[in-house]
């Protein structure tokens, strides 16, 4: 019985992954721009994924925004948006991940490189918007994500609780707080509470 359940679960997971992996370039672009401010969506640079799961440019940008499509080879849904000055920081993380570095190594290496001045740090106040949902569904007809919600990262290099007036842990649901205080990767985290 357990083996049968495992086989069915594996089949469903493969089917889900294959279904998501078949997302067209146009669909990826439509979903990716949902993370960007409405007035910036048309000109945003769009990264997406090819059939091998490699991140590629789907559309060149004409404004200051970069968006990344949902990875069809991963469960859940997540698209992101950020200004161009954050891209060197993001690209360095992708490159290090491709080299086999783990999360801790990536954080440390980027921090050291920003400290030395060999890696451009995000500008103070640059915002990463993450539109996500573990069980979210994209409604193509209405061009919206059902069950999705936003989380925001506002980059504040070297910021602390003292310099921002914010705590190092959220005071409650949806409250902003400073993550990695005193480091170049410091940022203000804002996760709005669920509406229901």
N, C-alpha and C. Protein backbone atom coordinates (compact mmCIF):
# COMPACT_ATOMS: atom_id res chain seq x y z
N UNK A 1 0.82 -1.19 0.00
CA UNK A 1 0.00 0.00 0.00
C UNK A 1 0.87 1.26 0.00
N UNK A 2 1.93 1.27 0.87
CA UNK A 2 2.81 2.44 0.94
C UNK A 2 3.51 2.66 -0.39
N UNK A 3 3.93 1.57 -1.04
CA UNK A 3 4.62 1.69 -2.32
C UNK A 3 3.68 2.29 -3.36
N UNK A 4 2.42 1.84 -3.36
CA UNK A 4 1.44 2.35 -4.31
C UNK A 4 1.24 3.86 -4.10
N UNK A 5 1.16 4.29 -2.85
CA UNK A 5 0.97 5.71 -2.54
C UNK A 5 2.19 6.51 -3.01
N UNK A 6 3.39 5.96 -2.79
CA UNK A 6 4.60 6.65 -3.23
C UNK A 6 4.64 6.78 -4.75
N UNK A 7 4.25 5.73 -5.46
CA UNK A 7 4.26 5.75 -6.92
C UNK A 7 3.27 6.78 -7.44
N UNK A 8 2.07 6.80 -6.87
CA UNK A 8 1.06 7.77 -7.29
C UNK A 8 1.52 9.19 -6.98
N UNK A 9 2.11 9.39 -5.80
CA UNK A 9 2.61 10.72 -5.43
C UNK A 9 3.70 11.18 -6.39
N UNK A 10 4.61 10.27 -6.73
CA UNK A 10 5.69 10.61 -7.66
C UNK A 10 5.13 10.95 -9.03
N UNK A 11 4.13 10.19 -9.47
CA UNK A 11 3.50 10.45 -10.76
C UNK A 11 2.84 11.82 -10.79
N UNK A 12 2.12 12.15 -9.71
CA UNK A 12 1.44 13.44 -9.64
C UNK A 12 2.44 14.58 -9.63
N UNK A 13 3.53 14.42 -8.88
CA UNK A 13 4.56 15.45 -8.82
C UNK A 13 5.20 15.65 -10.19
N UNK A 14 5.50 14.54 -10.89
CA UNK A 14 6.08 14.64 -12.23
C UNK A 14 5.11 15.30 -13.20
N UNK A 15 3.84 14.94 -13.09
CA UNK A 15 2.83 15.53 -13.97
C UNK A 15 2.72 17.02 -13.72
N UNK A 16 2.73 17.41 -12.43
CA UNK A 16 2.65 18.83 -12.06
C UNK A 16 3.85 19.57 -12.62
N UNK A 17 5.05 19.01 -12.43
CA UNK A 17 6.26 19.65 -12.91
C UNK A 17 6.25 19.77 -14.42
N UNK A 18 5.85 18.69 -15.11
CA UNK A 18 5.80 18.74 -16.56
C UNK A 18 4.79 19.76 -17.06
N UNK A 19 3.63 19.85 -16.38
CA UNK A 19 2.61 20.81 -16.76
C UNK A 19 3.14 22.23 -16.62
N UNK A 20 3.78 22.53 -15.48
CA UNK A 20 4.34 23.86 -15.28
C UNK A 20 5.48 24.13 -16.25
N UNK A 21 6.27 23.10 -16.55
CA UNK A 21 7.42 23.27 -17.42
C UNK A 21 7.01 23.61 -18.85
N UNK A 22 5.76 23.32 -19.19
CA UNK A 22 5.28 23.60 -20.54
C UNK A 22 4.77 25.03 -20.69
N UNK A 23 4.92 25.84 -19.66
CA UNK A 23 4.48 27.23 -19.72
C UNK A 23 5.22 27.95 -20.83
N UNK A 24 4.47 28.60 -21.73
CA UNK A 24 5.07 29.27 -22.88
C UNK A 24 5.80 30.54 -22.46
N UNK A 25 6.62 31.04 -23.37
CA UNK A 25 7.36 32.28 -23.15
C UNK A 25 6.38 33.42 -22.84
N UNK A 26 5.31 33.51 -23.61
CA UNK A 26 4.33 34.57 -23.43
C UNK A 26 3.65 34.47 -22.06
N UNK A 27 3.32 33.26 -21.66
CA UNK A 27 2.70 33.07 -20.34
C UNK A 27 3.66 33.43 -19.22
N UNK A 28 4.92 33.04 -19.38
CA UNK A 28 5.92 33.38 -18.37
C UNK A 28 6.05 34.89 -18.22
N UNK A 29 6.05 35.61 -19.34
CA UNK A 29 6.16 37.07 -19.30
C UNK A 29 4.95 37.67 -18.59
N UNK A 30 3.76 37.21 -18.95
CA UNK A 30 2.53 37.74 -18.34
C UNK A 30 2.51 37.51 -16.84
N UNK A 31 2.99 36.35 -16.40
CA UNK A 31 3.02 36.07 -14.97
C UNK A 31 4.13 36.85 -14.27
N UNK A 32 5.30 36.95 -14.88
CA UNK A 32 6.44 37.61 -14.26
C UNK A 32 6.16 39.07 -13.94
N UNK A 33 5.53 39.77 -14.88
CA UNK A 33 5.33 41.21 -14.69
C UNK A 33 4.32 41.54 -13.59
N UNK A 34 3.58 40.55 -13.11
CA UNK A 34 2.62 40.79 -12.02
C UNK A 34 3.32 41.28 -10.75
N UNK A 35 4.61 40.98 -10.62
CA UNK A 35 5.35 41.42 -9.43
C UNK A 35 5.74 42.89 -9.51
N UNK A 36 5.77 43.47 -10.71
CA UNK A 36 6.22 44.85 -10.91
C UNK A 36 5.08 45.83 -10.71
N UNK A 37 5.41 47.11 -10.40
CA UNK A 37 4.37 48.13 -10.34
C UNK A 37 3.63 48.17 -11.68
N UNK A 38 2.32 48.38 -11.65
CA UNK A 38 1.49 48.32 -12.87
C UNK A 38 2.03 49.20 -14.00
N UNK A 39 2.49 50.40 -13.69
CA UNK A 39 2.95 51.32 -14.71
C UNK A 39 4.31 50.96 -15.31
N UNK A 40 5.00 49.98 -14.74
CA UNK A 40 6.34 49.60 -15.19
C UNK A 40 6.37 48.24 -15.88
N UNK A 41 5.25 47.56 -15.93
CA UNK A 41 5.24 46.18 -16.43
C UNK A 41 5.61 46.05 -17.90
N UNK A 42 5.12 46.96 -18.72
CA UNK A 42 5.33 46.84 -20.17
C UNK A 42 6.80 46.92 -20.56
N UNK A 43 7.59 47.71 -19.83
CA UNK A 43 8.99 47.88 -20.21
C UNK A 43 10.00 47.11 -19.37
N UNK A 44 9.54 46.28 -18.46
CA UNK A 44 10.47 45.55 -17.58
C UNK A 44 11.26 44.49 -18.35
N UNK A 45 12.51 44.32 -17.95
CA UNK A 45 13.33 43.23 -18.48
C UNK A 45 12.82 41.94 -17.84
N UNK A 46 12.60 40.91 -18.65
CA UNK A 46 12.00 39.67 -18.12
C UNK A 46 12.96 38.49 -18.24
N UNK A 47 13.27 37.90 -17.09
CA UNK A 47 13.99 36.63 -17.05
C UNK A 47 12.96 35.53 -16.88
N UNK A 48 13.21 34.40 -17.54
CA UNK A 48 12.33 33.23 -17.40
C UNK A 48 13.17 31.97 -17.50
N UNK A 49 12.53 30.88 -17.84
CA UNK A 49 13.21 29.59 -17.86
C UNK A 49 12.94 28.86 -19.17
N UNK A 50 14.01 28.24 -19.70
CA UNK A 50 13.83 27.43 -20.91
C UNK A 50 13.45 26.00 -20.53
N UNK A 51 13.30 25.15 -21.54
CA UNK A 51 12.85 23.77 -21.29
C UNK A 51 13.84 22.94 -20.48
N UNK A 52 15.10 23.41 -20.37
CA UNK A 52 16.11 22.71 -19.56
C UNK A 52 16.14 23.22 -18.12
N UNK A 53 15.31 24.24 -17.82
CA UNK A 53 15.30 24.81 -16.49
C UNK A 53 16.34 25.88 -16.28
N UNK A 54 16.98 26.33 -17.37
CA UNK A 54 18.00 27.38 -17.28
C UNK A 54 17.33 28.74 -17.33
N UNK A 55 17.84 29.68 -16.54
CA UNK A 55 17.29 31.03 -16.55
C UNK A 55 17.81 31.78 -17.76
N UNK A 56 16.90 32.36 -18.52
CA UNK A 56 17.24 33.06 -19.76
C UNK A 56 16.44 34.37 -19.84
N UNK A 57 16.91 35.27 -20.68
CA UNK A 57 16.15 36.49 -20.95
C UNK A 57 15.02 36.16 -21.90
N UNK A 58 13.80 36.49 -21.50
CA UNK A 58 12.63 36.30 -22.36
C UNK A 58 12.29 37.57 -23.11
N UNK A 59 12.63 38.72 -22.52
CA UNK A 59 12.34 40.01 -23.15
C UNK A 59 13.31 41.05 -22.61
N UNK A 60 13.92 41.81 -23.51
CA UNK A 60 14.80 42.90 -23.09
C UNK A 60 13.95 44.02 -22.52
N UNK A 61 14.48 44.71 -21.53
CA UNK A 61 13.75 45.79 -20.90
C UNK A 61 14.04 47.15 -21.49
N UNK A 62 13.11 48.07 -21.26
CA UNK A 62 13.29 49.45 -21.72
C UNK A 62 13.15 50.44 -20.56
N UNK A 63 12.97 49.93 -19.34
CA UNK A 63 12.88 50.82 -18.18
C UNK A 63 13.82 50.34 -17.08
N UNK A 64 13.61 50.78 -15.87
CA UNK A 64 14.52 50.48 -14.76
C UNK A 64 14.19 49.18 -14.01
N UNK A 65 13.19 48.42 -14.48
CA UNK A 65 12.76 47.25 -13.73
C UNK A 65 13.18 45.93 -14.37
N UNK A 66 13.45 44.97 -13.48
CA UNK A 66 13.77 43.59 -13.86
C UNK A 66 12.75 42.71 -13.16
N UNK A 67 12.20 41.73 -13.89
CA UNK A 67 11.30 40.76 -13.28
C UNK A 67 11.79 39.36 -13.61
N UNK A 68 11.45 38.42 -12.72
CA UNK A 68 11.81 37.02 -12.96
C UNK A 68 10.54 36.20 -12.90
N UNK A 69 10.36 35.34 -13.91
CA UNK A 69 9.19 34.48 -13.98
C UNK A 69 9.24 33.38 -12.93
N UNK A 70 8.11 32.75 -12.74
CA UNK A 70 8.04 31.58 -11.86
C UNK A 70 8.87 30.46 -12.45
N UNK A 71 9.60 29.75 -11.60
CA UNK A 71 10.38 28.61 -12.07
C UNK A 71 9.45 27.42 -12.22
N UNK A 72 9.18 26.98 -13.46
CA UNK A 72 8.23 25.88 -13.67
C UNK A 72 8.72 24.53 -13.17
N UNK A 73 9.99 24.46 -12.77
CA UNK A 73 10.54 23.21 -12.28
C UNK A 73 10.54 23.14 -10.74
N UNK A 74 9.92 24.11 -10.10
CA UNK A 74 9.81 24.11 -8.65
C UNK A 74 8.35 24.21 -8.24
N UNK A 75 8.02 23.63 -7.09
CA UNK A 75 6.65 23.69 -6.60
C UNK A 75 6.31 25.10 -6.15
N UNK A 76 5.02 25.38 -6.08
CA UNK A 76 4.58 26.69 -5.65
C UNK A 76 4.71 27.70 -6.77
N UNK A 77 4.47 28.95 -6.43
CA UNK A 77 4.53 30.04 -7.41
C UNK A 77 5.29 31.20 -6.79
N UNK A 78 6.23 31.77 -7.55
CA UNK A 78 6.98 32.93 -7.08
C UNK A 78 7.53 33.71 -8.26
N UNK A 79 7.13 34.97 -8.36
CA UNK A 79 7.71 35.89 -9.34
C UNK A 79 8.26 37.09 -8.56
N UNK A 80 9.29 37.72 -9.09
CA UNK A 80 9.92 38.82 -8.38
C UNK A 80 10.16 40.01 -9.29
N UNK A 81 10.28 41.18 -8.67
CA UNK A 81 10.56 42.43 -9.39
C UNK A 81 11.54 43.24 -8.56
N UNK A 82 12.47 43.90 -9.26
CA UNK A 82 13.43 44.78 -8.57
C UNK A 82 14.03 45.75 -9.57
N UNK A 83 14.57 46.89 -9.09
CA UNK A 83 15.22 47.83 -10.00
C UNK A 83 16.57 47.27 -10.49
N UNK A 84 17.05 47.81 -11.60
CA UNK A 84 18.27 47.30 -12.24
C UNK A 84 19.50 47.30 -11.33
N UNK A 85 19.57 48.23 -10.38
CA UNK A 85 20.76 48.30 -9.54
C UNK A 85 20.91 47.06 -8.64
N UNK A 86 19.85 46.27 -8.51
CA UNK A 86 19.90 45.05 -7.69
C UNK A 86 20.40 43.86 -8.51
N UNK A 87 20.37 43.97 -9.84
CA UNK A 87 20.71 42.83 -10.70
C UNK A 87 22.13 42.30 -10.51
N UNK A 88 23.19 43.13 -10.36
CA UNK A 88 24.52 42.56 -10.12
C UNK A 88 24.56 41.66 -8.88
N UNK A 89 23.88 42.09 -7.82
CA UNK A 89 23.79 41.32 -6.57
C UNK A 89 23.07 39.99 -6.82
N UNK A 90 21.95 40.04 -7.56
CA UNK A 90 21.19 38.83 -7.86
C UNK A 90 21.97 37.89 -8.79
N UNK A 91 22.59 38.46 -9.80
CA UNK A 91 23.36 37.64 -10.76
C UNK A 91 24.51 36.93 -10.06
N UNK A 92 25.16 37.63 -9.14
CA UNK A 92 26.27 37.01 -8.42
C UNK A 92 25.77 35.82 -7.61
N UNK A 93 24.60 35.95 -7.01
CA UNK A 93 24.01 34.84 -6.27
C UNK A 93 23.71 33.66 -7.19
N UNK A 94 23.17 33.95 -8.37
CA UNK A 94 22.87 32.87 -9.33
C UNK A 94 24.16 32.17 -9.78
N UNK A 95 25.19 32.96 -10.06
CA UNK A 95 26.47 32.39 -10.51
C UNK A 95 27.08 31.50 -9.43
N UNK A 96 27.06 31.96 -8.20
CA UNK A 96 27.62 31.17 -7.10
C UNK A 96 26.82 29.89 -6.87
N UNK A 97 25.50 29.98 -7.01
CA UNK A 97 24.65 28.79 -6.86
C UNK A 97 24.99 27.78 -7.96
N UNK A 98 25.23 28.27 -9.17
CA UNK A 98 25.59 27.40 -10.30
C UNK A 98 26.94 26.72 -10.07
N UNK A 99 27.80 27.36 -9.27
CA UNK A 99 29.11 26.77 -8.93
C UNK A 99 28.99 25.75 -7.80
N UNK A 100 27.77 25.60 -7.25
CA UNK A 100 27.56 24.62 -6.20
C UNK A 100 27.66 25.17 -4.79
N UNK A 101 27.73 26.50 -4.66
CA UNK A 101 27.81 27.10 -3.32
C UNK A 101 26.45 27.00 -2.63
N UNK A 102 26.47 26.83 -1.30
CA UNK A 102 25.21 26.77 -0.54
C UNK A 102 24.81 28.18 -0.12
N UNK A 103 23.63 28.32 0.49
CA UNK A 103 23.09 29.63 0.85
C UNK A 103 24.04 30.41 1.76
N UNK A 104 24.59 29.75 2.77
CA UNK A 104 25.51 30.42 3.69
C UNK A 104 26.75 30.94 2.99
N UNK A 105 27.30 30.12 2.10
CA UNK A 105 28.49 30.53 1.35
C UNK A 105 28.18 31.72 0.44
N UNK A 106 27.02 31.68 -0.20
CA UNK A 106 26.63 32.77 -1.09
C UNK A 106 26.48 34.07 -0.32
N UNK A 107 25.81 34.01 0.83
CA UNK A 107 25.64 35.21 1.65
C UNK A 107 26.99 35.78 2.06
N UNK A 108 27.88 34.91 2.51
CA UNK A 108 29.20 35.35 3.00
C UNK A 108 30.05 35.92 1.86
N UNK A 109 30.07 35.23 0.72
CA UNK A 109 30.92 35.67 -0.39
C UNK A 109 30.44 37.01 -0.95
N UNK A 110 29.12 37.17 -1.09
CA UNK A 110 28.62 38.45 -1.60
C UNK A 110 28.91 39.57 -0.60
N UNK A 111 28.77 39.28 0.68
CA UNK A 111 29.05 40.29 1.71
C UNK A 111 30.50 40.76 1.62
N UNK A 112 31.42 39.81 1.52
CA UNK A 112 32.84 40.15 1.44
C UNK A 112 33.14 40.94 0.18
N UNK A 113 32.52 40.56 -0.93
CA UNK A 113 32.76 41.27 -2.20
C UNK A 113 32.20 42.69 -2.16
N UNK A 114 31.04 42.88 -1.53
CA UNK A 114 30.49 44.24 -1.39
C UNK A 114 31.38 45.08 -0.48
N UNK A 115 31.91 44.46 0.57
CA UNK A 115 32.79 45.16 1.50
C UNK A 115 34.06 45.62 0.78
N UNK A 116 34.59 44.79 -0.11
CA UNK A 116 35.81 45.13 -0.86
C UNK A 116 35.52 46.09 -2.01
N UNK A 117 34.25 46.22 -2.39
CA UNK A 117 33.90 47.09 -3.51
C UNK A 117 33.96 46.40 -4.85
N UNK A 118 34.10 45.07 -4.87
CA UNK A 118 34.16 44.35 -6.15
C UNK A 118 32.77 43.89 -6.62
N UNK A 119 31.77 44.04 -5.76
CA UNK A 119 30.39 43.72 -6.14
C UNK A 119 29.52 44.92 -5.82
N UNK A 120 28.78 45.38 -6.82
CA UNK A 120 27.88 46.52 -6.61
C UNK A 120 26.78 46.12 -5.64
N UNK A 121 26.62 46.92 -4.60
CA UNK A 121 25.54 46.65 -3.64
C UNK A 121 24.26 47.33 -4.13
N UNK A 122 23.09 46.80 -3.75
CA UNK A 122 21.84 47.47 -4.11
C UNK A 122 21.81 48.87 -3.50
N UNK A 123 21.19 49.80 -4.20
CA UNK A 123 21.05 51.16 -3.67
C UNK A 123 20.18 51.15 -2.43
N UNK A 124 20.45 52.09 -1.53
CA UNK A 124 19.65 52.23 -0.32
C UNK A 124 18.22 52.56 -0.72
N UNK A 125 17.28 51.71 -0.33
CA UNK A 125 15.88 51.92 -0.66
C UNK A 125 15.38 51.14 -1.86
N UNK A 126 16.27 50.49 -2.60
CA UNK A 126 15.82 49.65 -3.72
C UNK A 126 14.98 48.51 -3.17
N UNK A 127 13.87 48.23 -3.84
CA UNK A 127 12.90 47.28 -3.30
C UNK A 127 12.72 46.06 -4.19
N UNK A 128 12.80 44.90 -3.56
CA UNK A 128 12.52 43.63 -4.21
C UNK A 128 11.10 43.24 -3.80
N UNK A 129 10.22 43.07 -4.78
CA UNK A 129 8.85 42.64 -4.51
C UNK A 129 8.71 41.18 -4.92
N UNK A 130 8.22 40.36 -4.03
CA UNK A 130 8.05 38.93 -4.27
C UNK A 130 6.55 38.63 -4.23
N UNK A 131 6.02 38.14 -5.34
CA UNK A 131 4.60 37.79 -5.43
C UNK A 131 4.57 36.27 -5.46
N UNK A 132 3.96 35.66 -4.44
CA UNK A 132 4.12 34.22 -4.27
C UNK A 132 2.88 33.56 -3.69
N UNK A 133 2.91 32.24 -3.70
CA UNK A 133 1.86 31.46 -3.07
C UNK A 133 2.13 29.98 -3.24
N UNK A 134 2.10 29.24 -2.14
CA UNK A 134 2.38 27.80 -2.19
C UNK A 134 1.31 27.08 -3.01
N UNK A 135 0.07 27.52 -2.90
CA UNK A 135 -1.03 26.88 -3.63
C UNK A 135 -1.72 27.86 -4.57
N UNK A 136 -0.97 28.88 -5.01
CA UNK A 136 -1.55 29.90 -5.88
C UNK A 136 -1.76 29.37 -7.29
N UNK A 137 -2.78 29.89 -7.95
CA UNK A 137 -3.08 29.51 -9.33
C UNK A 137 -3.17 30.76 -10.19
N UNK A 138 -2.49 30.72 -11.33
CA UNK A 138 -2.54 31.84 -12.26
C UNK A 138 -3.79 31.71 -13.12
N UNK A 139 -4.62 32.75 -13.13
CA UNK A 139 -5.83 32.79 -13.94
C UNK A 139 -5.51 33.59 -15.19
N UNK A 140 -5.27 32.89 -16.31
CA UNK A 140 -4.86 33.55 -17.55
C UNK A 140 -5.95 34.46 -18.11
N UNK A 141 -7.21 34.07 -17.95
CA UNK A 141 -8.31 34.88 -18.48
C UNK A 141 -8.39 36.25 -17.81
N UNK A 142 -8.18 36.29 -16.51
CA UNK A 142 -8.23 37.55 -15.77
C UNK A 142 -6.85 38.14 -15.52
N UNK A 143 -5.80 37.43 -15.95
CA UNK A 143 -4.43 37.86 -15.79
C UNK A 143 -4.14 38.24 -14.33
N UNK A 144 -4.44 37.30 -13.42
CA UNK A 144 -4.15 37.54 -12.01
C UNK A 144 -3.82 36.23 -11.31
N UNK A 145 -3.18 36.37 -10.18
CA UNK A 145 -2.80 35.21 -9.38
C UNK A 145 -3.81 35.03 -8.27
N UNK A 146 -4.51 33.92 -8.27
CA UNK A 146 -5.49 33.63 -7.23
C UNK A 146 -4.77 32.96 -6.07
N UNK A 147 -4.90 33.55 -4.89
CA UNK A 147 -4.23 33.00 -3.71
C UNK A 147 -2.81 33.49 -3.53
N UNK A 148 -2.39 34.49 -4.31
CA UNK A 148 -1.04 35.02 -4.18
C UNK A 148 -0.97 36.18 -3.20
N UNK A 149 0.22 36.44 -2.70
CA UNK A 149 0.43 37.58 -1.80
C UNK A 149 1.84 38.11 -1.99
N UNK A 150 2.06 39.33 -1.52
CA UNK A 150 3.34 39.99 -1.68
C UNK A 150 4.17 39.94 -0.39
N UNK A 151 5.48 39.95 -0.59
CA UNK A 151 6.45 40.17 0.49
C UNK A 151 7.46 41.16 -0.09
N UNK A 152 7.96 42.06 0.74
CA UNK A 152 8.87 43.10 0.25
C UNK A 152 10.19 43.09 1.00
N UNK A 153 11.26 43.32 0.25
CA UNK A 153 12.61 43.47 0.79
C UNK A 153 13.09 44.85 0.34
N UNK A 154 13.34 45.73 1.30
CA UNK A 154 13.84 47.07 0.97
C UNK A 154 15.30 47.11 1.39
N UNK A 155 16.20 47.17 0.40
CA UNK A 155 17.63 47.12 0.69
C UNK A 155 18.10 48.39 1.40
N UNK A 156 18.81 48.17 2.50
CA UNK A 156 19.31 49.28 3.33
C UNK A 156 20.72 48.93 3.81
N UNK A 157 21.70 48.92 2.90
CA UNK A 157 23.06 48.51 3.28
C UNK A 157 23.56 49.19 4.55
N UNK A 158 24.07 48.37 5.46
CA UNK A 158 24.66 48.78 6.74
C UNK A 158 23.65 49.30 7.77
N UNK A 159 22.37 49.25 7.46
CA UNK A 159 21.35 49.75 8.39
C UNK A 159 21.28 48.89 9.64
N UNK A 160 20.87 49.51 10.72
CA UNK A 160 20.68 48.82 12.00
C UNK A 160 19.34 49.24 12.59
N UNK A 161 18.98 48.64 13.71
CA UNK A 161 17.76 49.04 14.40
C UNK A 161 17.88 50.52 14.82
N UNK A 162 19.07 50.92 15.21
CA UNK A 162 19.29 52.30 15.66
C UNK A 162 19.14 53.29 14.50
N UNK A 163 19.66 52.96 13.32
CA UNK A 163 19.61 53.92 12.20
C UNK A 163 18.25 53.97 11.53
N UNK A 164 17.45 52.93 11.69
CA UNK A 164 16.14 52.89 11.03
C UNK A 164 14.97 53.11 11.98
N UNK A 165 15.19 52.83 13.27
CA UNK A 165 14.10 52.91 14.23
C UNK A 165 13.19 51.69 14.17
N UNK A 166 13.66 50.65 13.49
CA UNK A 166 12.89 49.41 13.36
C UNK A 166 13.52 48.30 14.19
N UNK A 167 12.73 47.35 14.65
CA UNK A 167 13.27 46.23 15.44
C UNK A 167 14.00 45.22 14.55
N UNK A 168 14.73 44.32 15.19
CA UNK A 168 15.41 43.26 14.46
C UNK A 168 14.54 42.01 14.34
N UNK A 169 13.34 42.06 14.86
CA UNK A 169 12.32 41.01 14.72
C UNK A 169 10.99 41.72 14.58
N UNK A 170 10.05 41.18 13.81
CA UNK A 170 8.75 41.87 13.66
C UNK A 170 8.00 41.96 14.99
N UNK A 171 7.39 43.11 15.24
CA UNK A 171 6.59 43.30 16.46
C UNK A 171 5.27 42.55 16.38
N UNK A 172 4.84 42.25 15.19
CA UNK A 172 3.58 41.55 14.95
C UNK A 172 3.45 41.24 13.48
N UNK A 173 2.36 40.58 13.10
CA UNK A 173 2.14 40.22 11.70
C UNK A 173 2.11 41.46 10.82
N UNK A 174 2.92 41.42 9.77
CA UNK A 174 2.95 42.52 8.83
C UNK A 174 3.84 43.68 9.20
N UNK A 175 4.44 43.65 10.38
CA UNK A 175 5.28 44.77 10.82
C UNK A 175 6.66 44.69 10.15
N UNK A 176 7.22 45.83 9.73
CA UNK A 176 8.56 45.83 9.14
C UNK A 176 9.64 45.61 10.20
N UNK A 177 10.75 45.02 9.76
CA UNK A 177 11.88 44.80 10.67
C UNK A 177 13.17 44.74 9.86
N UNK A 178 14.31 44.91 10.53
CA UNK A 178 15.60 44.91 9.86
C UNK A 178 16.23 43.53 9.94
N UNK A 179 16.55 42.98 8.78
CA UNK A 179 17.22 41.67 8.70
C UNK A 179 18.68 41.89 8.34
N UNK A 180 19.58 41.13 8.91
CA UNK A 180 21.03 41.26 8.72
C UNK A 180 21.53 42.67 9.07
N UNK A 181 21.15 43.20 10.25
CA UNK A 181 21.55 44.56 10.61
C UNK A 181 23.06 44.74 10.63
N UNK A 182 23.49 45.92 10.15
CA UNK A 182 24.91 46.27 10.16
C UNK A 182 25.72 45.69 9.03
N UNK A 183 25.10 44.89 8.17
CA UNK A 183 25.83 44.29 7.04
C UNK A 183 25.42 44.97 5.73
N UNK A 184 26.21 44.75 4.70
CA UNK A 184 25.87 45.31 3.39
C UNK A 184 24.58 44.72 2.84
N UNK A 185 24.25 43.50 3.24
CA UNK A 185 23.02 42.86 2.77
C UNK A 185 21.82 43.19 3.68
N UNK A 186 21.98 44.14 4.58
CA UNK A 186 20.87 44.53 5.47
C UNK A 186 19.68 44.98 4.64
N UNK A 187 18.51 44.63 5.11
CA UNK A 187 17.29 45.06 4.42
C UNK A 187 16.11 45.07 5.38
N UNK A 188 15.11 45.84 5.01
CA UNK A 188 13.87 45.87 5.77
C UNK A 188 12.92 44.85 5.16
N UNK A 189 12.42 43.96 6.00
CA UNK A 189 11.49 42.92 5.55
C UNK A 189 10.07 43.35 5.90
N UNK A 190 9.17 43.21 4.92
CA UNK A 190 7.75 43.50 5.16
C UNK A 190 6.94 42.37 4.53
N UNK A 191 6.25 41.61 5.36
CA UNK A 191 5.37 40.54 4.88
C UNK A 191 3.95 40.87 5.35
N UNK A 192 3.16 41.51 4.48
CA UNK A 192 1.80 41.87 4.88
C UNK A 192 1.03 40.63 5.35
N UNK A 193 0.20 40.78 6.38
CA UNK A 193 -0.56 39.63 6.87
C UNK A 193 -1.61 39.18 5.86
N UNK A 194 -2.03 37.93 5.98
CA UNK A 194 -3.10 37.43 5.12
C UNK A 194 -4.35 38.27 5.31
N UNK A 195 -5.10 38.44 4.22
CA UNK A 195 -6.31 39.27 4.28
C UNK A 195 -7.44 38.62 5.05
N UNK A 196 -7.48 37.28 5.07
CA UNK A 196 -8.61 36.61 5.76
C UNK A 196 -8.33 36.37 7.20
